[in-house]
Amino acid sequence: MSDADGPPWFVRAIETPCRDQRIPVAGSEIRYLDWGERGRPGLVFVHGGAAHAHWWSFIAPMFTGEWHAVALDLSGHGASGRRETYNHTLWSEEVLAVADDAGFPEPPVVVGHSLGGGITLELASAYGDRLAGAVVVDTPVRRPDPESSEGARGRAFRSPGTYPDESTALRHFRLVPPQPCENTFIVDHIGRRSLHETESGWTWRFDPHLFHQTLIPLRDQLLSVRCRIAFFRGEFSTIVPEDTAAYMYELTGSNAPFVSIPDAHHHLILDQPLAFVAALRTLLADWEHSVPRSPL
């Protein structure tokens, strides 16, 4: 399957001109994709664990009518450099460095999925004055308990296979946690960009040492958010089920939008990309209209 086999909206999005940028951050080269015109408000997309910027390459271009959008490869992911150790603080610095390099005229809105949502929460807590808003997409903040499902997800990535050719490797591409996804053209698109050829064969671009890090509960970050924040989840998500969503809503003081995308699982941007775009566009438009006017 090629990208051209996707529906017209998808083909238009991925054919939107994009600048491939690289910057050094704390000793590692960070790659980001850049769409839209400088001078427009900034929108930064942050991918999940073991993913990469191209998880947003069919989403971000649909915001360029109003926004200057970028999506980065966090260190240890995609085409960015690797580190000895990884943590949310370093990844947050990478997001801020990309935002600075993109030249936004004002603080950006950051949108993060899964691991990227945890980084977005870290940003909203520690650097809220440098954001115009934060959107956390299917990232759990749970009541204190052993995070067994997160541990299982880490184990799934710690021994990536190596394959003789790209097509063989692509047949082993799986979403984690497992879920159905009818949009096979999107899965193929991100799967191909998840691979690279090495001396030993074709393997995945992420660093398996990513998942040796200690998990962060994120409750304290959510309680100390210092900017506008909103939450998205998939209606059928096993990562953010309804009781977890209710707990997170409670922690915000019932004072943040919480949007469930219908007929979607954890990877809701793959399941229902157009519904996600419509919901995010609506949220961003409402946020702009809800900013208090200065007295005359």
Protein backbone atom coordinates (compact mmCIF):
# COMPACT_ATOMS: atom_id res chain seq x y z
CA MET A 1 0.00 0.00 0.00
CA SER A 2 1.25 3.51 -0.82
CA ASP A 3 0.22 6.85 0.65
CA ALA A 4 -1.61 7.62 -2.59
CA ASP A 5 -4.06 4.81 -1.76
CA GLY A 6 -5.50 6.84 1.09
CA PRO A 7 -8.62 9.04 0.80
CA PRO A 8 -8.31 12.54 -0.72
CA TRP A 9 -8.14 14.35 2.64
CA PHE A 10 -5.21 12.16 3.71
CA VAL A 11 -3.32 12.60 0.43
CA ARG A 12 -3.79 16.38 0.57
CA ALA A 13 -2.50 16.48 4.14
CA ILE A 14 0.68 14.45 3.60
CA GLU A 15 1.43 16.32 0.36
CA THR A 16 1.35 19.67 2.18
CA PRO A 17 4.83 21.23 1.94
CA CYS A 18 6.86 20.57 5.07
CA ARG A 19 10.27 21.75 6.25
CA ASP A 20 12.52 19.14 7.90
CA GLN A 21 14.49 20.94 10.63
CA ARG A 22 17.28 19.85 13.02
CA ILE A 23 18.53 21.60 16.16
CA PRO A 24 20.89 20.63 19.01
CA VAL A 25 19.32 20.32 22.47
CA ALA A 26 21.37 19.36 25.52
CA GLY A 27 23.88 17.35 23.48
CA SER A 28 21.41 15.57 21.18
CA GLU A 29 20.19 16.48 17.70
CA ILE A 30 16.42 16.94 17.63
CA ARG A 31 14.50 16.69 14.36
CA TYR A 32 11.16 18.39 13.78
CA LEU A 33 8.71 18.84 10.91
CA ASP A 34 7.43 22.35 10.23
CA TRP A 35 4.25 23.31 8.38
CA GLY A 36 2.66 26.69 7.75
CA GLU A 37 3.62 30.33 7.79
CA ARG A 38 5.86 32.04 10.31
CA GLY A 39 4.04 34.75 12.20
CA ARG A 40 0.97 32.66 12.90
CA PRO A 41 0.21 31.26 16.37
CA GLY A 42 2.23 28.17 17.25
CA LEU A 43 0.90 24.64 17.62
CA VAL A 44 3.33 21.92 18.75
CA PHE A 45 2.43 18.23 18.41
CA VAL A 46 4.20 15.67 20.63
CA HIS A 47 4.03 11.95 19.82
CA GLY A 48 3.74 8.94 22.12
CA GLY A 49 6.29 6.35 23.20
CA ALA A 50 8.17 4.53 20.41
CA ALA A 51 6.43 6.81 17.89
CA HIS A 52 7.70 9.79 15.87
CA ALA A 53 6.70 13.10 14.26
CA HIS A 54 5.01 11.44 11.28
CA TRP A 55 2.22 10.25 13.57
CA TRP A 56 1.07 13.86 13.13
CA SER A 57 1.95 14.37 9.44
CA PHE A 58 -1.65 13.72 8.33
CA ILE A 59 -3.07 15.83 11.21
CA ALA A 60 -0.87 18.92 11.58
CA PRO A 61 -1.31 20.20 7.98
CA MET A 62 -5.05 20.56 8.58
CA PHE A 63 -4.34 23.40 11.02
CA THR A 64 -2.14 25.54 8.78
CA GLY A 65 -4.98 27.83 7.73
CA GLU A 66 -4.78 29.44 11.16
CA TRP A 67 -1.66 28.04 12.80
CA HIS A 68 2.06 27.49 12.33
CA ALA A 69 2.29 23.79 13.24
CA VAL A 70 5.33 21.68 14.12
CA ALA A 71 5.85 18.09 15.27
CA LEU A 72 9.11 16.81 16.73
CA ASP A 73 10.89 13.51 17.15
CA LEU A 74 11.70 13.36 20.84
CA SER A 75 15.22 12.16 21.62
CA GLY A 76 15.38 8.38 21.36
CA HIS A 77 12.67 8.42 18.69
CA GLY A 78 12.47 8.75 14.93
CA ALA A 79 15.38 10.62 13.35
CA SER A 80 16.45 12.42 16.53
CA GLY A 81 19.55 11.50 18.49
CA ARG A 82 19.74 9.10 21.40
CA ARG A 83 20.78 9.71 25.00
CA GLU A 84 22.22 7.68 27.86
CA THR A 85 19.08 8.38 29.90
CA TYR A 86 15.67 9.90 29.20
CA ASN A 87 13.18 11.77 31.36
CA HIS A 88 10.22 14.12 31.10
CA THR A 89 12.32 17.13 32.07
CA LEU A 90 14.76 16.65 29.16
CA TRP A 91 11.92 15.95 26.72
CA SER A 92 10.16 19.10 27.93
CA GLU A 93 13.31 21.09 27.19
CA GLU A 94 13.31 19.64 23.67
CA VAL A 95 9.72 20.75 23.08
CA LEU A 96 10.50 24.27 24.30
CA ALA A 97 13.65 24.44 22.17
CA VAL A 98 11.70 23.43 19.06
CA ALA A 99 9.06 26.06 19.84
CA ASP A 100 11.78 28.71 20.20
CA ASP A 101 13.48 27.65 16.97
CA ALA A 102 10.19 27.72 15.06
CA GLY A 103 9.94 31.45 15.82
CA PHE A 104 6.38 31.61 17.09
CA PRO A 105 5.28 35.19 17.83
CA GLU A 106 3.76 34.19 21.18
CA PRO A 107 3.61 31.14 23.47
CA PRO A 108 2.31 28.06 21.62
CA VAL A 109 -0.37 25.50 22.35
CA VAL A 110 1.16 22.04 22.92
CA VAL A 111 -0.78 18.89 22.01
CA GLY A 112 0.62 15.57 23.27
CA HIS A 113 -0.58 11.99 22.85
CA SER A 114 0.14 9.21 25.38
CA LEU A 115 3.79 9.69 26.49
CA GLY A 116 3.60 13.06 24.74
CA GLY A 117 0.62 13.93 26.93
CA GLY A 118 2.70 13.26 30.02
CA ILE A 119 5.38 15.59 28.68
CA THR A 120 2.66 18.15 27.96
CA LEU A 121 1.50 17.91 31.59
CA GLU A 122 5.09 18.41 32.74
CA LEU A 123 5.31 21.51 30.53
CA ALA A 124 1.98 22.88 31.78
CA SER A 125 3.14 22.44 35.37
CA ALA A 126 6.77 23.59 35.17
CA TYR A 127 6.60 26.03 32.25
CA GLY A 128 2.97 27.10 32.10
CA ASP A 129 3.92 30.72 31.57
CA ARG A 130 5.57 29.69 28.27
CA LEU A 131 2.43 28.02 26.89
CA ALA A 132 -0.84 29.40 25.58
CA GLY A 133 -2.50 26.08 26.36
CA ALA A 134 -1.97 22.34 26.76
CA VAL A 135 -4.01 19.51 25.24
CA VAL A 136 -3.44 16.06 26.74
CA VAL A 137 -4.57 13.20 24.47
CA ASP A 138 -5.33 9.81 26.06
CA THR A 139 -2.73 10.06 28.80
CA PRO A 140 -3.72 8.59 32.18
CA VAL A 141 -3.35 10.14 35.60
CA ARG A 142 -4.42 7.28 37.85
CA ARG A 143 -5.26 6.90 41.48
CA PRO A 144 -2.15 5.63 43.28
CA ASP A 145 -1.69 1.96 42.32
CA PRO A 146 0.88 -0.28 40.60
CA GLU A 147 0.90 0.83 36.96
CA SER A 148 0.85 -2.71 35.61
CA SER A 149 -0.43 -1.81 32.16
CA GLU A 150 2.32 0.78 31.70
CA GLY A 151 4.90 -1.83 32.69
CA ALA A 152 3.49 -4.25 30.15
CA ARG A 153 3.71 -1.62 27.43
CA GLY A 154 7.36 -1.03 28.28
CA ARG A 155 8.17 -4.74 28.03
CA ALA A 156 6.55 -4.85 24.60
CA PHE A 157 9.20 -2.44 23.25
CA ARG A 158 12.38 -3.62 24.96
CA SER A 159 13.39 -6.29 22.41
CA PRO A 160 12.72 -4.86 18.94
CA GLY A 161 13.24 -7.34 16.10
CA THR A 162 15.52 -7.03 13.08
CA TYR A 163 14.27 -8.17 9.67
CA PRO A 164 15.87 -8.90 6.26
CA ASP A 165 13.83 -6.31 4.33
CA GLU A 166 11.35 -3.49 4.81
CA SER A 167 8.26 -5.44 3.77
CA THR A 168 8.99 -8.23 6.27
CA ALA A 169 9.54 -5.70 9.04
CA LEU A 170 6.35 -3.86 8.18
CA ARG A 171 4.33 -7.04 8.61
CA HIS A 172 5.46 -7.06 12.25
CA PHE A 173 4.35 -3.49 12.96
CA ARG A 174 1.80 -3.47 15.80
CA LEU A 175 -0.04 -0.85 17.79
CA VAL A 176 0.64 -0.96 21.54
CA PRO A 177 -1.59 -1.49 23.41
CA PRO A 178 -3.26 -3.80 20.88
CA GLN A 179 -6.41 -2.42 19.30
CA PRO A 180 -8.32 -2.59 16.03
CA CYS A 181 -7.85 0.19 13.47
CA GLU A 182 -9.81 0.26 10.22
CA ASN A 183 -7.62 2.98 8.70
CA THR A 184 -4.93 0.64 7.38
CA PHE A 185 -3.59 3.38 5.08
CA ILE A 186 -2.61 5.39 8.20
CA VAL A 187 -1.09 2.38 9.96
CA ASP A 188 0.96 1.67 6.83
CA HIS A 189 2.03 5.33 6.60
CA ILE A 190 3.38 5.49 10.14
CA GLY A 191 4.72 1.93 10.04
CA ARG A 192 6.98 2.65 7.07
CA ARG A 193 8.33 5.75 8.78
CA SER A 194 8.97 3.77 11.97
CA LEU A 195 11.70 1.71 10.25
CA HIS A 196 15.28 2.22 9.14
CA GLU A 197 17.94 0.01 7.63
CA THR A 198 21.01 -0.92 9.69
CA GLU A 199 24.01 -3.17 9.05
CA SER A 200 22.06 -6.04 10.62
CA GLY A 201 18.85 -5.43 8.68
CA TRP A 202 15.63 -3.43 9.04
CA THR A 203 14.54 -2.46 12.54
CA TRP A 204 12.57 0.17 14.45
CA ARG A 205 13.81 3.72 14.89
CA PHE A 206 13.20 4.05 18.64
CA ASP A 207 15.81 3.39 21.32
CA PRO A 208 14.72 0.33 23.38
CA HIS A 209 16.44 1.87 26.41
CA LEU A 210 13.62 4.43 26.49
CA PHE A 211 11.55 2.05 28.56
CA HIS A 212 14.09 1.54 31.32
CA GLN A 213 13.06 4.86 32.85
CA THR A 214 10.96 5.16 36.01
CA LEU A 215 7.36 6.08 35.32
CA ILE A 216 6.03 9.39 36.60
CA PRO A 217 2.57 9.26 38.25
CA LEU A 218 1.73 12.79 36.91
CA ARG A 219 -0.78 13.57 39.67
CA ASP A 220 1.33 16.39 41.08
CA GLN A 221 1.82 17.86 37.62
CA LEU A 222 -1.93 17.86 36.96
CA LEU A 223 -2.60 19.54 40.30
CA SER A 224 -0.07 22.29 39.57
CA VAL A 225 -0.92 23.16 35.94
CA ARG A 226 -0.29 26.85 35.23
CA CYS A 227 -2.00 27.36 31.86
CA ARG A 228 -5.24 26.48 30.06
CA ILE A 229 -5.60 22.74 29.69
CA ALA A 230 -7.95 20.27 28.02
CA PHE A 231 -8.14 16.49 27.74
CA PHE A 232 -9.10 14.14 24.92
CA ARG A 233 -9.63 10.39 25.22
CA GLY A 234 -10.84 7.59 23.00
CA GLU A 235 -14.32 6.37 23.87
CA PHE A 236 -13.05 2.78 24.04
CA SER A 237 -9.59 3.54 25.43
CA THR A 238 -8.14 0.94 27.81
CA ILE A 239 -5.50 3.47 28.89
CA VAL A 240 -7.93 6.21 29.95
CA PRO A 241 -11.17 4.37 30.81
CA GLU A 242 -14.15 6.31 32.15
CA ASP A 243 -13.18 5.97 35.82
CA THR A 244 -9.68 7.31 35.13
CA ALA A 245 -11.16 10.19 33.13
CA ALA A 246 -13.51 10.98 36.02
CA TYR A 247 -10.59 11.01 38.47
CA MET A 248 -8.60 13.37 36.24
CA TYR A 249 -11.62 15.65 35.85
CA GLU A 250 -11.95 15.69 39.64
CA LEU A 251 -8.29 16.67 40.04
CA THR A 252 -8.79 19.67 37.76
CA GLY A 253 -11.60 20.90 40.01
CA SER A 254 -14.05 20.10 37.19
CA ASN A 255 -12.60 23.11 35.41
CA ALA A 256 -11.14 21.73 32.17
CA PRO A 257 -12.77 20.42 28.98
CA PHE A 258 -12.71 16.62 28.73
CA VAL A 259 -13.62 15.34 25.26
CA SER A 260 -14.29 11.69 24.38
CA ILE A 261 -13.80 10.91 20.68
CA PRO A 262 -16.54 8.46 19.61
CA ASP A 263 -15.67 5.00 18.31
CA ALA A 264 -11.97 5.44 19.10
CA HIS A 265 -9.41 3.55 21.15
CA HIS A 266 -6.11 4.75 22.66
CA HIS A 267 -4.66 5.65 19.25
CA LEU A 268 -7.59 7.90 18.51
CA ILE A 269 -5.69 10.03 15.98
CA LEU A 270 -5.46 6.89 13.83
CA ASP A 271 -8.99 5.66 14.52
CA GLN A 272 -10.90 8.91 14.04
CA PRO A 273 -8.50 11.53 12.63
CA LEU A 274 -11.16 13.83 11.20
CA ALA A 275 -13.22 13.76 14.38
CA PHE A 276 -10.06 14.57 16.33
CA VAL A 277 -9.22 17.48 14.01
CA ALA A 278 -12.76 18.86 14.24
CA ALA A 279 -12.75 18.61 18.04
CA LEU A 280 -9.33 20.23 18.38
CA ARG A 281 -10.22 23.02 15.95
CA THR A 282 -13.36 23.71 17.98
CA LEU A 283 -11.45 23.75 21.25
CA LEU A 284 -8.79 26.10 19.92
CA ALA A 285 -11.37 28.47 18.45
CA ASP A 286 -13.28 28.55 21.74
CA TRP A 287 -10.11 29.21 23.71
CA GLU A 288 -9.33 32.22 21.52
CA HIS A 289 -12.86 33.60 21.85
CA SER A 290 -12.89 33.08 25.61
CA VAL A 291 -9.83 35.24 26.31
CA PRO A 292 -11.09 38.24 28.32
CA ARG A 293 -10.95 41.53 26.46
CA SER A 294 -8.97 44.42 27.90
CA PRO A 295 -11.12 47.25 29.32
CA LEU A 296 -11.70 50.13 26.93
